[in-house]
Amino acid sequence: MQDIFGHKQNDTYLIIRFVMLYLVPTPIGNLEDMTFRAINVLNECDVILSEDTRTSGKLLKHFNIDKPLWSFHAFNEHKALKNIIDHLQQGKKMALISDAGTPGISDPGYLLVRECQAHDIKVSCLPGATAFVPALVSSGMTTDKFYFEGFLPHKKGRQTRWKYLSQLDVTIILYESPHRLMKCLEEVKEYLGEDRRVCVAREISKVFEEFNTRSVIDAIAYYTAKPAKGEIVLVIEGRTKQSKNASDDED
């Protein structure tokens, strides 16, 4: 019996033959983070679904992968779903990739997975790159429990989210863009307190990688003098006993 990679299966490593959709992580910075298995799966699939075909096209060219690229992103997800499901049911093997990291984390990948489940289509997610894990582990904050918020709403509902996050006693993880970082840090100061520690993780796995942990008031001063560049993961210390007591005193 042959598996999807064309190698004989053995007793110690069995690959499920009938997976139709693969979620394939792609590098968040350093291209060497691409796994051998990810390259093999992309080469064996009939179609690759991508967030931005121009960005993904460069990645595939680097690894000499020549497969049709279909667009699947937040603006066409509902329109594209039926066509994708139809092709999967016809026997096409597909892979979903995002611009960087693991599909389904802060992108519409979960919608496709849910639709596949509804149609009994087998889905498999490969392990691989994602930005918030190295940010969390390198922050120096507690990792036994954490809350992943992802991107905060830009306007409506943002204050409500901050009020909720201010009550959490576990490490909090946000995604943020460099031009909104200062606003975000000011809001940490306002809602969580100026002594709350934060870690600004940016350019993860790239040449100028930075994990900068300090109090939010110090972080505001630092990035006022030296504006941040690159995509950012903001790791925030959870509510401590001291901050709880201070809040109780104010009440």
Protein backbone atom coordinates (compact mmCIF):
# COMPACT_ATOMS: atom_id res chain seq x y z
CA MET A 1 0.00 0.00 0.00
CA GLN A 2 1.26 3.47 -0.84
CA ASP A 3 0.64 6.57 1.24
CA ILE A 4 0.15 10.06 -0.22
CA PHE A 5 3.91 10.68 -0.41
CA GLY A 6 4.55 7.56 -2.52
CA HIS A 7 6.48 5.65 0.16
CA LYS A 8 5.54 2.31 1.65
CA GLN A 9 3.94 2.54 5.06
CA ASN A 10 5.64 0.74 7.93
CA ASP A 11 4.79 -0.28 11.47
CA THR A 12 6.20 2.82 13.13
CA TYR A 13 4.99 5.67 10.91
CA LEU A 14 1.50 5.55 9.48
CA ILE A 15 0.11 8.47 7.48
CA ILE A 16 -3.64 8.73 7.05
CA ARG A 17 -4.18 8.15 3.32
CA PHE A 18 -7.52 9.83 2.94
CA VAL A 19 -6.82 13.33 4.23
CA MET A 20 -8.21 15.76 1.65
CA LEU A 21 -7.42 19.13 3.26
CA TYR A 22 -4.13 19.97 4.95
CA LEU A 23 -3.49 23.06 7.06
CA VAL A 24 0.16 23.83 6.41
CA PRO A 25 2.10 26.35 8.56
CA THR A 26 4.53 28.61 6.71
CA PRO A 27 7.53 30.55 8.10
CA ILE A 28 6.83 33.74 10.03
CA GLY A 29 10.27 35.08 9.17
CA ASN A 30 13.17 32.74 8.57
CA LEU A 31 12.49 30.50 5.57
CA GLU A 32 14.50 27.72 7.20
CA ASP A 33 11.55 27.24 9.56
CA MET A 34 9.68 25.50 6.73
CA THR A 35 9.52 21.78 7.50
CA PHE A 36 10.34 18.93 5.12
CA ARG A 37 6.86 17.54 5.65
CA ALA A 38 5.23 20.87 4.76
CA ILE A 39 7.16 20.97 1.48
CA ASN A 40 6.21 17.35 0.71
CA VAL A 41 2.51 17.96 1.38
CA LEU A 42 2.42 21.09 -0.78
CA ASN A 43 4.11 19.22 -3.62
CA GLU A 44 1.57 16.39 -3.40
CA CYS A 45 -1.57 18.53 -3.28
CA ASP A 46 -3.60 19.41 -6.37
CA VAL A 47 -4.41 22.96 -5.25
CA ILE A 48 -3.00 25.35 -2.64
CA LEU A 49 -5.37 27.84 -0.99
CA SER A 50 -3.65 31.00 0.15
CA GLU A 51 -4.42 34.26 1.93
CA ASP A 52 -2.46 36.34 -0.59
CA THR A 53 -1.42 34.60 -3.81
CA ARG A 54 1.36 37.11 -4.45
CA THR A 55 2.99 36.49 -1.05
CA SER A 56 2.47 32.73 -1.27
CA GLY A 57 3.75 32.66 -4.83
CA LYS A 58 7.14 33.93 -3.68
CA LEU A 59 7.30 31.28 -0.96
CA LEU A 60 6.39 28.45 -3.33
CA LYS A 61 8.90 29.66 -5.91
CA HIS A 62 11.64 29.59 -3.26
CA PHE A 63 10.93 25.92 -2.55
CA ASN A 64 10.36 25.01 -6.22
CA ILE A 65 6.70 24.13 -5.64
CA ASP A 66 4.62 24.52 -8.81
CA LYS A 67 0.94 24.12 -7.95
CA PRO A 68 -2.23 26.12 -8.73
CA LEU A 69 -2.88 28.86 -6.18
CA TRP A 70 -6.45 29.76 -5.25
CA SER A 71 -7.30 32.80 -3.17
CA PHE A 72 -9.01 32.22 0.19
CA HIS A 73 -9.15 35.14 2.63
CA ALA A 74 -11.44 37.15 4.90
CA PHE A 75 -13.08 39.00 2.00
CA ASN A 76 -14.06 36.02 -0.17
CA GLU A 77 -14.33 33.18 2.36
CA HIS A 78 -18.10 32.61 2.18
CA LYS A 79 -18.22 32.91 -1.61
CA ALA A 80 -15.26 30.54 -2.08
CA LEU A 81 -16.36 27.82 0.37
CA LYS A 82 -18.85 26.01 -1.89
CA ASN A 83 -16.42 25.81 -4.80
CA ILE A 84 -13.66 24.46 -2.54
CA ILE A 85 -15.93 21.85 -0.94
CA ASP A 86 -17.16 20.75 -4.38
CA HIS A 87 -13.58 20.14 -5.55
CA LEU A 88 -12.65 18.32 -2.34
CA GLN A 89 -15.65 16.04 -2.76
CA GLN A 90 -14.52 15.31 -6.31
CA GLY A 91 -11.23 13.96 -4.93
CA LYS A 92 -8.95 16.98 -5.11
CA LYS A 93 -6.33 17.20 -2.36
CA MET A 94 -5.84 20.74 -1.09
CA ALA A 95 -3.59 22.61 1.30
CA LEU A 96 -4.46 25.84 3.10
CA ILE A 97 -1.64 28.24 3.93
CA SER A 98 -1.63 31.77 5.37
CA ASP A 99 0.79 34.60 4.63
CA ALA A 100 2.80 33.50 7.67
CA GLY A 101 2.27 31.05 10.49
CA THR A 102 -0.43 28.47 11.09
CA PRO A 103 -3.72 28.76 9.15
CA GLY A 104 -6.74 29.34 11.34
CA ILE A 105 -4.93 31.56 13.86
CA SER A 106 -6.49 35.03 13.39
CA ASP A 107 -7.62 34.21 9.84
CA PRO A 108 -10.70 32.52 8.29
CA GLY A 109 -9.21 29.01 8.20
CA TYR A 110 -11.60 27.72 10.87
CA LEU A 111 -14.58 28.34 8.55
CA LEU A 112 -13.17 25.95 5.97
CA VAL A 113 -12.37 23.35 8.63
CA ARG A 114 -15.91 23.57 9.98
CA GLU A 115 -17.37 23.19 6.49
CA CYS A 116 -15.16 20.17 5.83
CA GLN A 117 -16.33 18.58 9.07
CA ALA A 118 -19.96 19.14 8.03
CA HIS A 119 -19.28 17.26 4.78
CA ASP A 120 -17.20 14.45 6.36
CA ILE A 121 -14.02 15.62 4.62
CA LYS A 122 -10.84 14.62 6.46
CA VAL A 123 -8.66 17.51 7.68
CA SER A 124 -5.12 17.38 9.07
CA CYS A 125 -3.08 20.24 10.54
CA LEU A 126 0.70 20.00 10.37
CA PRO A 127 2.67 21.30 13.37
CA GLY A 128 4.80 24.31 12.63
CA ALA A 129 5.41 28.04 12.93
CA THR A 130 3.14 30.38 14.85
CA ALA A 131 4.11 33.76 16.27
CA PHE A 132 2.57 33.74 19.74
CA VAL A 133 4.37 30.64 21.08
CA PRO A 134 7.96 31.94 20.80
CA ALA A 135 6.74 35.34 22.03
CA LEU A 136 5.17 33.79 25.12
CA VAL A 137 8.07 31.48 25.91
CA SER A 138 10.66 34.26 25.45
CA SER A 139 8.74 36.87 27.45
CA GLY A 140 9.77 35.54 30.87
CA MET A 141 6.12 35.54 31.99
CA THR A 142 4.18 32.57 33.30
CA THR A 143 3.37 30.03 30.61
CA ASP A 144 1.33 27.45 32.53
CA LYS A 145 -1.87 29.37 31.79
CA PHE A 146 -2.43 32.08 29.21
CA TYR A 147 -5.19 33.79 27.26
CA PHE A 148 -4.84 34.40 23.52
CA GLU A 149 -6.88 37.45 22.45
CA GLY A 150 -5.39 37.92 18.99
CA PHE A 151 -6.31 41.24 17.37
CA LEU A 152 -8.43 43.64 19.41
CA PRO A 153 -11.35 45.38 17.69
CA HIS A 154 -10.18 48.69 16.21
CA LYS A 155 -13.19 50.66 17.48
CA LYS A 156 -16.50 49.09 18.54
CA GLY A 157 -16.10 46.77 21.50
CA ARG A 158 -12.45 47.62 22.19
CA GLN A 159 -13.10 49.19 25.60
CA THR A 160 -15.23 46.20 26.59
CA ARG A 161 -12.40 43.81 25.69
CA TRP A 162 -9.89 45.80 27.75
CA LYS A 163 -12.19 45.73 30.79
CA TYR A 164 -12.46 41.97 30.44
CA LEU A 165 -8.69 41.51 30.00
CA SER A 166 -8.00 43.69 33.05
CA GLN A 167 -9.61 41.03 35.27
CA LEU A 168 -7.57 38.08 34.01
CA ASP A 169 -4.85 36.68 36.29
CA VAL A 170 -3.17 34.75 33.45
CA THR A 171 -0.70 35.92 30.82
CA ILE A 172 -2.45 37.74 27.94
CA ILE A 173 -1.33 37.61 24.30
CA LEU A 174 -2.29 40.16 21.64
CA TYR A 175 -1.36 40.66 17.99
CA GLU A 176 -0.66 44.25 17.00
CA SER A 177 0.70 46.28 14.10
CA PRO A 178 3.63 48.70 14.63
CA HIS A 179 1.60 51.85 13.91
CA ARG A 180 -0.97 50.93 16.58
CA LEU A 181 1.52 49.75 19.21
CA MET A 182 1.68 53.06 21.12
CA LYS A 183 -2.12 53.25 21.34
CA CYS A 184 -2.19 49.69 22.62
CA LEU A 185 0.48 50.36 25.26
CA GLU A 186 -1.35 53.48 26.43
CA GLU A 187 -4.49 51.39 26.83
CA VAL A 188 -2.58 48.78 28.85
CA LYS A 189 -1.49 51.62 31.12
CA GLU A 190 -5.05 52.98 31.38
CA TYR A 191 -6.94 49.74 31.95
CA LEU A 192 -4.34 47.45 33.53
CA GLY A 193 -2.03 49.90 35.34
CA GLU A 194 1.34 51.47 34.67
CA ASP A 195 3.23 48.80 36.65
CA ARG A 196 1.91 45.95 34.51
CA ARG A 197 4.77 44.20 32.71
CA VAL A 198 4.62 43.71 28.96
CA CYS A 199 6.83 42.05 26.39
CA VAL A 200 6.97 43.53 22.91
CA ALA A 201 8.01 40.67 20.64
CA ARG A 202 8.73 41.65 17.05
CA GLU A 203 10.50 40.43 13.93
CA ILE A 204 10.34 36.90 15.37
CA SER A 205 12.88 34.54 13.75
CA LYS A 206 14.26 37.39 11.60
CA VAL A 207 17.62 39.16 11.78
CA PHE A 208 16.41 41.94 14.09
CA GLU A 209 14.33 39.74 16.38
CA GLU A 210 13.47 41.44 19.68
CA PHE A 211 11.84 40.32 22.93
CA ASN A 212 11.62 43.45 25.07
CA THR A 213 10.14 42.88 28.55
CA ARG A 214 9.60 45.82 30.91
CA SER A 215 6.85 47.76 32.70
CA VAL A 216 4.32 49.31 30.35
CA ILE A 217 5.34 52.82 31.42
CA ASP A 218 8.95 52.03 30.48
CA ALA A 219 7.82 50.44 27.22
CA ILE A 220 5.92 53.61 26.28
CA ALA A 221 9.05 55.71 26.88
CA TYR A 222 11.23 53.23 24.97
CA TYR A 223 9.06 53.04 21.86
CA THR A 224 8.35 56.77 21.87
CA ALA A 225 12.09 57.31 21.45
CA LYS A 226 12.56 54.30 19.15
CA PRO A 227 9.39 53.50 17.14
CA ALA A 228 8.87 49.79 16.58
CA LYS A 229 8.96 48.17 13.16
CA GLY A 230 7.64 44.82 12.00
CA GLU A 231 4.65 42.76 13.07
CA ILE A 232 4.25 42.55 16.83
CA VAL A 233 3.10 40.10 19.47
CA LEU A 234 2.34 41.85 22.75
CA VAL A 235 2.56 39.62 25.83
CA ILE A 236 1.01 41.13 28.97
CA GLU A 237 1.45 40.05 32.56
CA GLY A 238 -1.71 38.75 34.21
CA ARG A 239 -3.41 40.48 37.11
CA THR A 240 -1.27 40.07 40.22
CA LYS A 241 -2.21 40.01 43.91
CA GLN A 242 -0.84 43.55 44.26
CA SER A 243 -2.98 44.88 41.41
CA LYS A 244 -6.04 43.08 42.83
CA ASN A 245 -5.46 44.69 46.22
CA ALA A 246 -4.96 48.10 44.63
CA SER A 247 -8.22 47.69 42.71
CA ASP A 248 -10.06 46.62 45.86
CA ASP A 249 -8.73 49.70 47.71
CA GLU A 250 -10.03 51.96 44.91
CA ASP A 251 -13.45 50.33 45.16
